[in-house]
Protein backbone atom coordinates (compact mmCIF):
# COMPACT_ATOMS: atom_id res chain seq x y z
CA MET A 1 -20.86 -101.08 -31.41
CA LYS A 2 -19.85 -98.87 -28.47
CA LYS A 3 -21.85 -96.27 -27.19
CA THR A 4 -20.42 -92.72 -26.79
CA VAL A 5 -20.63 -90.94 -23.68
CA PHE A 6 -20.52 -87.40 -23.37
CA ILE A 7 -20.80 -86.28 -19.68
CA ILE A 8 -21.85 -82.56 -19.23
CA PHE A 9 -22.19 -81.10 -15.90
CA SER A 10 -23.27 -77.95 -14.15
CA LEU A 11 -21.11 -75.79 -11.58
CA LEU A 12 -23.54 -74.32 -8.80
CA PHE A 13 -21.58 -71.74 -7.54
CA SER A 14 -22.02 -72.42 -3.78
CA SER A 15 -19.11 -72.27 -0.86
CA SER A 16 -18.54 -76.36 -2.28
CA ALA A 17 -17.11 -74.24 -5.23
CA ILE A 18 -14.11 -73.23 -4.44
CA HIS A 19 -12.43 -76.00 -5.28
CA ALA A 20 -12.48 -74.77 -8.47
CA GLN A 21 -10.34 -72.41 -8.56
CA THR A 22 -7.29 -74.76 -7.84
CA TRP A 23 -8.88 -77.86 -9.89
CA GLU A 24 -10.06 -78.70 -13.18
CA PHE A 25 -12.76 -80.84 -13.11
CA VAL A 26 -11.99 -83.91 -15.88
CA GLY A 27 -15.35 -85.85 -16.23
CA LEU A 28 -17.68 -88.24 -15.69
CA ASP A 29 -19.89 -86.09 -13.36
CA SER A 30 -22.27 -88.11 -10.88
CA LEU A 31 -19.84 -91.66 -11.13
CA LEU A 32 -17.75 -92.42 -7.92
CA ILE A 33 -14.66 -93.32 -8.68
CA PHE A 34 -13.05 -96.47 -8.29
CA HIS A 35 -9.87 -96.84 -10.57
CA LEU A 36 -8.02 -94.43 -12.61
CA TYR A 37 -4.87 -95.19 -15.37
CA VAL A 38 -3.73 -91.92 -17.00
CA GLU A 39 -0.95 -90.99 -19.32
CA VAL A 40 -0.30 -88.63 -21.49
CA ASP A 41 -4.52 -87.67 -22.59
CA THR A 42 -5.63 -91.34 -22.18
CA ILE A 43 -7.38 -93.05 -19.13
CA TYR A 44 -9.24 -95.20 -17.64
CA ALA A 45 -12.09 -94.82 -14.53
CA GLY A 46 -13.46 -98.23 -12.76
CA THR A 47 -17.08 -96.37 -11.89
CA TRP A 48 -19.75 -97.06 -9.81
CA ASP A 49 -23.18 -94.86 -10.44
CA LYS A 50 -23.95 -94.70 -6.83
CA ILE A 51 -27.41 -93.76 -7.82
CA ASN A 52 -29.62 -96.46 -9.49
CA ASN A 53 -26.08 -98.58 -10.99
CA LEU A 54 -27.09 -98.42 -14.62
CA ASN A 55 -24.07 -96.10 -15.66
CA SER A 56 -21.37 -98.18 -13.42
CA GLY A 57 -18.58 -99.03 -15.59
CA LEU A 58 -15.13 -98.92 -17.36
CA TYR A 59 -14.90 -95.56 -19.17
CA TYR A 60 -12.22 -94.66 -21.55
CA SER A 61 -11.09 -90.53 -22.72
CA SER A 62 -8.37 -90.75 -25.60
CA ASN A 63 -8.79 -86.65 -25.77
CA GLY A 64 -7.92 -85.80 -21.87
CA GLY A 65 -11.89 -86.06 -20.33
CA ALA A 66 -12.87 -84.32 -23.00
CA ASN A 67 -14.69 -87.33 -24.33
CA TRP A 68 -15.54 -90.42 -22.82
CA THR A 69 -16.76 -94.02 -23.93
CA GLN A 70 -18.04 -96.69 -21.83
CA LEU A 71 -15.91 -100.25 -22.71
CA ASP A 72 -18.00 -102.76 -20.55
CA ASN A 73 -21.40 -102.01 -22.26
CA SER A 74 -21.40 -106.17 -23.56
CA LEU A 75 -21.19 -107.05 -19.94
CA GLY A 76 -24.02 -105.72 -18.47
CA GLU A 77 -24.47 -103.24 -15.66
CA GLY A 78 -22.21 -103.26 -12.63
CA ALA A 79 -19.66 -101.07 -10.41
CA ILE A 80 -15.37 -101.91 -11.00
CA VAL A 81 -14.92 -102.58 -8.25
CA GLY A 82 -11.25 -104.27 -9.21
CA LEU A 83 -8.74 -102.61 -12.36
CA GLU A 84 -5.60 -103.53 -13.41
CA ARG A 85 -3.44 -102.48 -16.68
CA ASN A 86 -0.53 -104.46 -17.57
CA ILE A 87 2.51 -103.64 -20.12
CA ASP A 88 1.17 -104.88 -22.93
CA ASN A 89 -2.31 -103.19 -22.53
CA THR A 90 -3.81 -105.91 -21.51
CA MET A 91 -5.95 -105.22 -18.80
CA TYR A 92 -8.15 -107.15 -15.93
CA ILE A 93 -11.73 -105.77 -14.48
CA ILE A 94 -13.80 -107.31 -12.09
CA LYS A 95 -17.33 -106.43 -12.50
CA CYS A 96 -20.17 -105.93 -9.21
CA PRO A 97 -22.81 -106.49 -10.98
CA CYS A 98 -24.48 -105.77 -7.32
CA SER A 99 -25.46 -101.83 -6.30
CA SER A 100 -22.33 -101.64 -4.13
CA GLY A 101 -20.55 -105.16 -3.65
CA SER A 102 -16.92 -105.81 -3.29
CA ALA A 103 -16.75 -108.90 -5.59
CA GLY A 104 -17.62 -110.23 -8.93
CA SER A 105 -16.65 -112.01 -11.92
CA LEU A 106 -13.71 -111.43 -13.60
CA TYR A 107 -12.68 -110.21 -17.13
CA LYS A 108 -10.12 -109.73 -19.57
CA THR A 109 -9.11 -107.88 -22.32
CA THR A 110 -5.98 -107.89 -24.55
CA ASP A 111 -7.43 -104.26 -27.32
CA ASN A 112 -7.85 -102.11 -24.71
CA GLY A 113 -11.48 -102.78 -24.22
CA GLN A 114 -12.85 -103.62 -27.90
CA SER A 115 -13.57 -107.68 -26.81
CA TRP A 116 -13.87 -108.92 -23.45
CA LYS A 117 -13.30 -112.50 -22.29
CA PRO A 118 -14.50 -113.71 -18.78
CA VAL A 119 -11.61 -115.48 -16.07
CA ASN A 120 -13.61 -118.80 -15.42
CA ASN A 121 -10.60 -120.80 -14.64
CA ILE A 122 -10.28 -119.47 -11.43
CA SER A 123 -12.61 -120.59 -8.86
CA ASN A 124 -16.32 -120.52 -8.73
CA ASN A 125 -16.62 -117.76 -6.16
CA LYS A 126 -16.52 -114.47 -6.90
CA ILE A 127 -13.28 -112.58 -7.59
CA ARG A 128 -12.64 -110.16 -4.60
CA TRP A 129 -9.15 -108.69 -5.82
CA ILE A 130 -6.94 -108.53 -9.07
CA GLY A 131 -2.89 -107.25 -8.68
CA ILE A 132 0.07 -107.90 -10.77
CA SER A 133 3.31 -108.20 -9.96
CA PRO A 134 5.94 -104.87 -9.93
CA PHE A 135 8.68 -107.50 -11.06
CA ASN A 136 6.66 -110.15 -13.47
CA PRO A 137 4.76 -108.75 -15.88
CA ASN A 138 3.69 -112.13 -16.30
CA GLU A 139 3.18 -113.29 -12.46
CA ASN A 140 -0.51 -111.89 -11.27
CA TYR A 141 -2.36 -112.94 -8.36
CA VAL A 142 -6.19 -113.02 -7.58
CA ILE A 143 -8.14 -113.49 -4.27
CA ASP A 144 -11.56 -114.90 -4.26
CA SER A 145 -14.83 -114.73 -1.31
CA TYR A 146 -18.19 -116.40 -0.73
CA SER A 147 -21.20 -115.03 0.10
CA LEU A 148 -22.20 -115.46 4.16
CA GLY A 149 -25.09 -113.35 6.08
CA GLY A 150 -25.01 -110.75 3.63
CA GLY A 151 -21.47 -110.02 3.80
CA ARG A 152 -18.41 -111.12 1.97
CA ILE A 153 -15.71 -113.89 4.01
CA PHE A 154 -12.42 -114.10 1.78
CA ASN A 155 -11.05 -117.44 0.72
CA SER A 156 -7.78 -118.32 -0.81
CA LEU A 157 -5.01 -116.97 -3.29
CA TYR A 158 -4.35 -117.11 -6.83
CA LYS A 159 -1.66 -116.96 -9.05
CA SER A 160 -1.07 -117.12 -12.41
CA THR A 161 2.55 -117.11 -14.17
CA ASP A 162 1.72 -116.33 -17.26
CA ARG A 163 -0.38 -113.41 -17.40
CA GLY A 164 -3.91 -114.79 -16.96
CA ASN A 165 -4.31 -117.63 -19.34
CA SER A 166 -3.51 -120.74 -16.22
CA TRP A 167 -4.69 -119.98 -12.56
CA GLU A 168 -2.86 -122.11 -9.59
CA GLY A 169 -4.80 -122.16 -6.09
CA ILE A 170 -1.91 -121.63 -3.33
CA GLY A 171 -4.14 -121.77 -0.51
CA SER A 172 -6.59 -120.33 1.48
CA PHE A 173 -4.82 -117.48 4.53
CA PRO A 174 -4.40 -118.22 7.72
CA GLY A 175 -7.00 -116.78 10.87
CA SER A 176 -10.00 -116.94 11.16
CA SER A 177 -12.50 -118.15 9.12
CA HIS A 178 -14.88 -115.19 9.35
CA GLY A 179 -12.53 -112.69 8.06
CA SER A 180 -14.84 -110.08 6.06
CA ILE A 181 -11.85 -107.26 5.38
CA LEU A 182 -8.61 -107.78 3.45
CA THR A 183 -5.80 -106.25 2.26
CA PHE A 184 -2.67 -106.95 0.12
CA ALA A 185 0.43 -105.68 -0.83
CA PHE A 186 3.25 -106.65 -2.68
CA ASN A 187 6.64 -105.62 -1.07
CA LEU A 188 7.80 -103.30 -3.18
CA THR A 189 11.61 -103.72 -2.25
CA ASP A 190 11.55 -107.84 -2.30
CA SER A 191 10.23 -110.02 -5.42
CA MET A 192 9.39 -113.09 -3.03
CA SER A 193 7.71 -110.63 0.01
CA LEU A 194 4.03 -110.31 0.09
CA TYR A 195 1.98 -109.02 2.52
CA VAL A 196 -2.22 -109.34 4.18
CA GLY A 197 -3.75 -108.01 5.90
CA VAL A 198 -7.66 -109.48 7.60
CA ASP A 199 -10.11 -109.22 10.10
CA THR A 200 -10.55 -111.86 12.34
CA ASN A 201 -13.83 -112.16 14.21
CA PHE A 202 -14.67 -109.00 13.34
CA ILE A 203 -12.21 -108.50 16.54
CA ASP A 204 -8.85 -107.17 15.80
CA TRP A 205 -6.86 -107.23 12.82
CA HIS A 206 -3.24 -109.62 11.77
CA LEU A 207 -0.90 -108.68 9.75
CA PHE A 208 0.60 -111.33 7.76
CA LYS A 209 3.82 -112.11 5.65
CA SER A 210 5.12 -114.69 2.69
CA THR A 211 7.78 -115.07 1.77
CA ASP A 212 7.67 -117.17 -0.89
CA LYS A 213 5.55 -115.87 -2.90
CA GLY A 214 2.60 -117.21 -1.67
CA ASN A 215 3.37 -120.34 -0.81
CA ASN A 216 3.01 -119.66 3.18
CA TRP A 217 2.59 -117.13 5.64
CA PHE A 218 3.73 -116.20 9.01
CA TYR A 219 2.61 -113.54 11.63
CA VAL A 220 4.36 -110.67 11.85
CA SER A 221 1.83 -108.62 13.87
CA THR A 222 -1.76 -106.69 14.94
CA PRO A 223 -0.99 -103.86 13.56
CA PRO A 224 -3.52 -100.57 14.71
CA THR A 225 -5.73 -100.93 11.78
CA ILE A 226 -6.65 -102.90 8.35
CA ALA A 227 -7.26 -100.07 6.73
CA GLY A 228 -5.14 -100.10 3.47
CA ILE A 229 -1.84 -101.68 3.33
CA HIS A 230 1.37 -100.43 1.53
CA THR A 231 5.08 -100.91 1.10
CA ASP A 232 7.34 -98.04 0.03
CA TYR A 233 9.35 -97.73 -3.30
CA PHE A 234 12.87 -97.49 -1.86
CA ILE A 235 12.94 -98.33 2.03
CA PRO A 236 12.70 -101.78 2.68
CA ASN A 237 10.65 -102.89 5.13
CA ARG A 238 9.05 -99.92 5.37
CA ILE A 239 4.82 -100.18 5.58
CA TYR A 240 2.67 -97.66 5.75
CA GLN A 241 -0.77 -98.31 6.90
CA ALA A 242 -4.19 -95.95 6.27
CA GLY A 243 -1.12 -93.14 5.52
CA GLN A 244 -1.12 -92.65 9.64
CA TYR A 245 1.03 -95.57 10.42
CA ILE A 246 4.40 -96.76 9.62
CA SER A 247 6.68 -99.52 10.40
CA ASN A 248 10.38 -99.42 9.85
CA ASP A 249 11.26 -103.51 10.61
CA GLY A 250 8.70 -105.22 8.43
CA GLY A 251 5.33 -104.65 10.11
CA LEU A 252 6.69 -105.91 13.93
CA ASN A 253 6.57 -102.43 15.37
CA TRP A 254 4.15 -99.63 14.53
CA PHE A 255 4.02 -95.74 15.13
CA GLU A 256 1.51 -92.65 14.26
CA ALA A 257 3.04 -90.84 12.25
CA ASP A 258 -0.37 -88.29 11.92
CA SER A 259 0.63 -84.97 12.22
CA GLY A 260 -1.37 -82.05 9.82
CA LEU A 261 -4.14 -84.90 9.96
CA THR A 262 -7.35 -84.09 11.29
CA ASP A 263 -8.73 -86.46 14.04
CA THR A 264 -12.84 -85.94 12.44
CA SER A 265 -11.47 -87.64 8.67
CA TYR A 266 -10.59 -91.12 7.96
CA HIS A 267 -8.22 -92.71 5.18
CA LEU A 268 -9.62 -93.87 1.26
CA SER A 269 -6.82 -94.26 -0.06
CA PHE A 270 -2.49 -93.58 -0.43
CA TYR A 271 -0.33 -93.44 -3.53
CA GLN A 272 3.89 -93.07 -3.73
CA ASP A 273 4.62 -91.10 -6.87
CA LYS A 274 8.05 -92.21 -7.80
CA LEU A 275 8.74 -90.27 -10.75
CA THR A 276 7.69 -86.77 -11.20
CA THR A 277 7.66 -85.64 -7.17
CA SER A 278 8.84 -88.82 -5.28
CA LEU A 279 5.79 -87.81 -2.68
CA LEU A 280 3.20 -89.59 -0.55
CA TYR A 281 -0.74 -88.70 -0.91
CA ASN A 282 -3.01 -90.29 1.21
CA LEU A 283 -6.76 -89.21 0.25
CA ARG A 284 -9.38 -88.88 3.39
CA THR A 285 -12.31 -87.35 3.48
CA ASP A 286 -11.76 -83.85 3.74
CA GLY A 287 -9.27 -83.71 1.37
CA LEU A 288 -5.39 -84.77 -0.19
CA TYR A 289 -2.69 -84.43 1.95
CA ALA A 290 1.05 -85.26 0.31
CA SER A 291 3.98 -85.79 2.88
CA GLY A 292 7.94 -86.91 2.07
CA ASN A 293 8.54 -90.41 2.54
CA ASP A 294 11.12 -89.34 5.47
CA THR A 295 9.83 -86.12 7.68
CA PHE A 296 5.46 -88.03 7.31
CA TYR A 297 4.38 -84.17 7.73
CA TRP A 298 1.08 -84.24 6.14
CA ASP A 299 0.37 -81.66 4.02
CA ARG A 300 -3.34 -80.45 2.65
CA LEU A 301 -3.16 -79.48 -0.90
CA GLU A 302 -5.26 -76.39 -1.99
CA GLY A 303 -8.64 -76.44 -2.62
CA SER A 304 -8.70 -80.00 -1.77
CA GLU A 305 -11.14 -79.98 0.84
CA TYR A 306 -13.96 -78.91 -0.91
CA LEU A 307 -13.87 -81.93 -3.21
CA PRO A 308 -16.52 -84.62 -3.08
CA LEU A 309 -15.55 -86.95 -1.41
CA ASP A 310 -17.96 -88.75 0.19
CA LEU A 311 -16.55 -92.09 -0.81
CA PRO A 312 -17.55 -95.77 1.24
CA SER A 313 -15.39 -96.19 3.48
CA GLY A 314 -15.77 -99.78 3.50
CA PHE A 315 -14.06 -100.52 -0.39
CA ARG A 316 -11.03 -101.21 0.43
CA ASN A 317 -7.58 -100.88 -2.29
CA LEU A 318 -8.97 -98.00 -4.24
CA LYS A 319 -6.78 -97.24 -6.62
CA ASN A 320 -8.12 -93.06 -7.32
CA ILE A 321 -5.01 -90.62 -7.46
CA THR A 322 -2.09 -91.18 -9.61
CA ILE A 323 0.09 -88.67 -11.36
CA ASP A 324 0.77 -88.63 -15.29
CA LYS A 325 4.78 -87.97 -15.59
CA THR A 326 3.93 -86.29 -18.80
CA SER A 327 1.85 -83.48 -18.31
CA LYS A 328 2.93 -83.21 -14.42
CA LYS A 329 -0.71 -83.07 -13.04
CA ILE A 330 -2.24 -85.32 -10.70
CA TYR A 331 -5.88 -86.88 -11.17
CA LEU A 332 -8.35 -87.45 -8.22
CA GLY A 333 -10.94 -90.02 -8.21
CA THR A 334 -13.78 -88.48 -5.99
CA SER A 335 -17.36 -89.42 -5.59
CA ASN A 336 -18.39 -86.75 -8.19
CA GLY A 337 -16.13 -87.29 -11.39
CA ILE A 338 -11.97 -87.09 -12.11
CA TYR A 339 -9.98 -84.14 -10.98
CA ARG A 340 -6.90 -82.57 -11.58
CA LYS A 341 -4.00 -79.62 -10.87
CA GLY A 342 -0.26 -79.41 -11.32
CA VAL A 343 0.99 -81.21 -9.38
CA VAL A 344 3.34 -79.60 -6.11
CA THR A 345 7.08 -80.53 -6.19
CA ASN A 346 7.59 -78.61 -2.68
CA LEU A 347 6.03 -79.29 0.67
CA PRO A 348 5.41 -75.90 3.20
CA ASN A 349 5.73 -78.15 5.58
CA GLU A 350 7.52 -81.05 3.79
CA ASN A 351 10.91 -81.26 6.58
CA ASN A 352 8.59 -81.11 9.33
CA SER A 353 12.44 -80.69 10.96
CA GLN A 354 11.50 -77.19 10.28
CA ILE A 355 8.14 -77.66 12.06
CA LYS A 356 9.00 -78.70 15.19
CA GLY A 357 12.84 -77.62 15.74
CA PHE A 358 14.41 -81.17 15.05
CA ASN A 359 17.15 -81.63 12.33
CA LEU A 360 19.28 -84.89 11.36
CA GLU A 361 22.38 -83.47 10.19
CA GLN A 362 23.92 -85.84 7.53
CA ASN A 363 27.29 -88.07 9.34
CA TYR A 364 30.78 -87.02 9.07
CA PRO A 365 32.69 -87.87 8.11
CA ASN A 366 31.13 -89.95 5.13
CA PRO A 367 32.11 -92.79 3.84
CA PHE A 368 33.52 -93.26 6.69
CA ASN A 369 36.33 -96.16 8.50
CA PRO A 370 35.73 -96.74 11.21
CA ARG A 371 34.06 -94.43 12.58
CA THR A 372 31.50 -91.49 12.35
CA THR A 373 29.71 -88.73 13.87
CA ILE A 374 26.18 -88.51 14.03
CA ASN A 375 24.13 -84.95 14.59
CA TYR A 376 20.82 -83.43 15.08
CA HIS A 377 19.01 -80.33 16.69
CA MET A 378 16.21 -80.42 19.35
CA GLU A 379 14.00 -77.21 19.92
CA VAL A 380 11.53 -79.38 22.87
CA SER A 381 12.68 -81.36 25.04
CA ALA A 382 11.27 -85.15 23.66
CA TYR A 383 11.88 -89.16 24.05
CA VAL A 384 14.91 -89.72 21.49
CA THR A 385 15.78 -93.10 19.26
CA LEU A 386 18.73 -93.61 17.16
CA LYS A 387 19.62 -96.75 15.44
CA VAL A 388 21.47 -98.38 12.95
CA TYR A 389 20.21 -100.50 10.36
CA ASP A 390 20.81 -102.65 7.30
CA LEU A 391 19.12 -101.93 4.21
CA LEU A 392 17.28 -105.20 4.81
CA GLY A 393 15.57 -103.01 7.36
CA ASN A 394 17.94 -105.31 10.65
CA GLU A 395 18.59 -103.48 13.53
CA LEU A 396 22.34 -103.33 14.91
CA ALA A 397 23.24 -101.01 17.26
CA VAL A 398 21.67 -98.59 19.48
CA LEU A 399 23.11 -94.90 19.38
CA VAL A 400 20.59 -92.92 22.01
CA ASP A 401 17.09 -94.04 24.00
CA LYS A 402 16.62 -91.82 26.42
CA GLU A 403 14.11 -88.49 27.04
CA GLN A 404 15.95 -85.89 26.07
CA GLN A 405 16.54 -81.97 26.90
CA LYS A 406 15.94 -79.35 23.74
CA GLY A 407 19.90 -78.54 22.49
CA ASP A 408 22.72 -79.84 20.18
CA TYR A 409 23.47 -83.36 20.77
CA GLU A 410 25.99 -85.81 18.93
CA VAL A 411 27.08 -89.37 18.57
CA GLU A 412 29.82 -91.54 17.35
CA PHE A 413 28.86 -94.68 15.28
CA ASP A 414 32.18 -97.34 15.42
CA GLY A 415 31.68 -99.59 12.67
CA GLY A 416 34.57 -101.31 13.29
CA LYS A 417 33.02 -105.09 13.90
CA PHE A 418 30.58 -104.15 10.71
CA SER A 419 31.47 -104.75 7.11
CA SER A 420 31.52 -102.29 4.06
CA GLY A 421 28.01 -101.20 3.09
CA VAL A 422 25.07 -98.76 3.32
CA TYR A 423 24.18 -98.30 6.19
CA ILE A 424 20.76 -96.17 7.62
CA TYR A 425 20.95 -94.23 10.84
CA ARG A 426 17.11 -92.93 11.74
CA VAL A 427 15.92 -90.56 14.63
CA ILE A 428 12.16 -90.97 15.64
CA ALA A 429 11.42 -88.00 19.08
CA SER A 430 8.34 -88.45 20.50
CA LYS A 431 6.29 -87.39 23.51
CA ASN A 432 3.24 -88.21 25.36
CA GLY A 433 3.50 -91.37 23.14
CA ARG A 434 3.08 -89.26 20.05
CA VAL A 435 6.17 -89.33 17.36
CA LEU A 436 7.22 -85.60 16.79
CA PHE A 437 9.80 -86.00 14.07
CA THR A 438 11.10 -88.85 12.37
CA ASN A 439 14.16 -88.43 10.07
CA SER A 440 16.78 -91.32 8.35
CA LYS A 441 19.48 -90.70 6.20
CA GLN A 442 22.33 -93.14 4.48
CA MET A 443 26.23 -93.19 5.67
CA ILE A 444 29.13 -95.91 3.61
CA LEU A 445 31.28 -97.36 5.74
CA LEU A 446 34.36 -97.65 3.30
CA LYS A 447 37.16 -100.29 4.59
C-alpha cells in the first residue's frame, strides 16, 4: 500500500520571507527539487532529502500541491537524479541510493508509479542520464557511468527505438577517458542531431556533435563552460550555455550575453517556454531570470532573489523550472520545496535596444527582389557586425564588420545571387569584448 505524505511547513517572518508576497509555496518542505512535471493540478517532483536521505524520492500531487504521495517507496531510499515522462504516461526515474550521487538504477512505470520495473538490459554500470527524443516518443537515450577514484566517469551512449523495451549500445563518447562531467542536448530543430559536452582530464571542455543520432561524433569547439547545453526550439544552430554564453552557428563561435546577471551567482538550470510566454528562463543562485531569445537581457523575476536556491552546482541537467500553460503559472523547484507564481509576459527590459540605445528595424521592402534596405540605430559607439544567414545558420554575407559611432545607419543587401526563400539578418554590437546588443529578424527573398 502506498504511503501518503502530508507536507506541513511554517514560514518564519524574516527578511527572506519577502518572497511570500509574490511566490506561493506549493509543498515538499525540506526537500531539494531536481525535476518537475506539471499539468494543471498534477505535479510530479523528483527530490533529494539532503539532511538524511530518508524522504528522498518521487512525489506526486493530484490537487495542486495540497497533498503529496511518494510513488517509489518500494524501491528503497534514494534521490531522483533523472526523471522523464512520455506522452503515454510512461515514466522513467534514475534512483540513486547514495546521499548525493549523480548516477543510479533506472526504473520504468506505465501506471503512473503504482508499480515499477527495473530496466536491467542496458549496461552493468549505473545510469547517469536519460532523455526522450522531442521528435519521436519511441526513441529514448541513456548514458551510463562507472566509479573511479571516488568520482563517476561517463562511459557510453545507448538508444532504444521501442520505448525502452530493448537497447542498443552506440558507442563511447570521444575525448578523454577521464571525463567526469557531461551535458547532453537534443537539437530541437533537427531530429538527427545531438550535442554533448565533456571535460577532458579536468582541464577544459569539448563540445561534440552527432548528425546521425549518436552513431558518429565530431569535435566542434572548446566552449567557455560546460554548465548546461541547451538548443533553441525555433532558431537553427542556436546553442545556450548556462544562459550566459550563446552560439548562433552550432557551437563554432561563442559570445557572452550576460546583461542583467551578477558576477557572484552561478547557473543552476535553463528552460525555454515556447507556448505561454515565449521567454527563456535562467535559474541562478541569486534568483530566476527571464529574457527574450533575441534581446538577451536577463531580468530577475520579482521576489525570486529571496527563494531558497542553495542547490548543488555539481548536478547537471536539472529540470526544476516549468510553466503550466492552463493555469499560466511558473513552477520552480528550490532547495526547500516548490514555489509558483503567475507568469510575466512583458519584461521591463525585454527589448534591450531601449536599455542600451540600439534598435534594429525590419528590412524594407519585405518581401524583396533582389535588393532590400536594413536600418539600425546606435546611441553609443560600438563594434558592429551585420550578417545574413540561411535558415540552417550558414553565413551568406557580411554587410557590416567595423567600429561605428553612434547614429543612424542604412545598409543595402543584394540577394541577386541567392534563391527565393527566408533569410535571417543579425546584428551584434560589442564593446571591449562584451556584447551590448544583438538582434535578428527574418526577410523574404521572392523572385
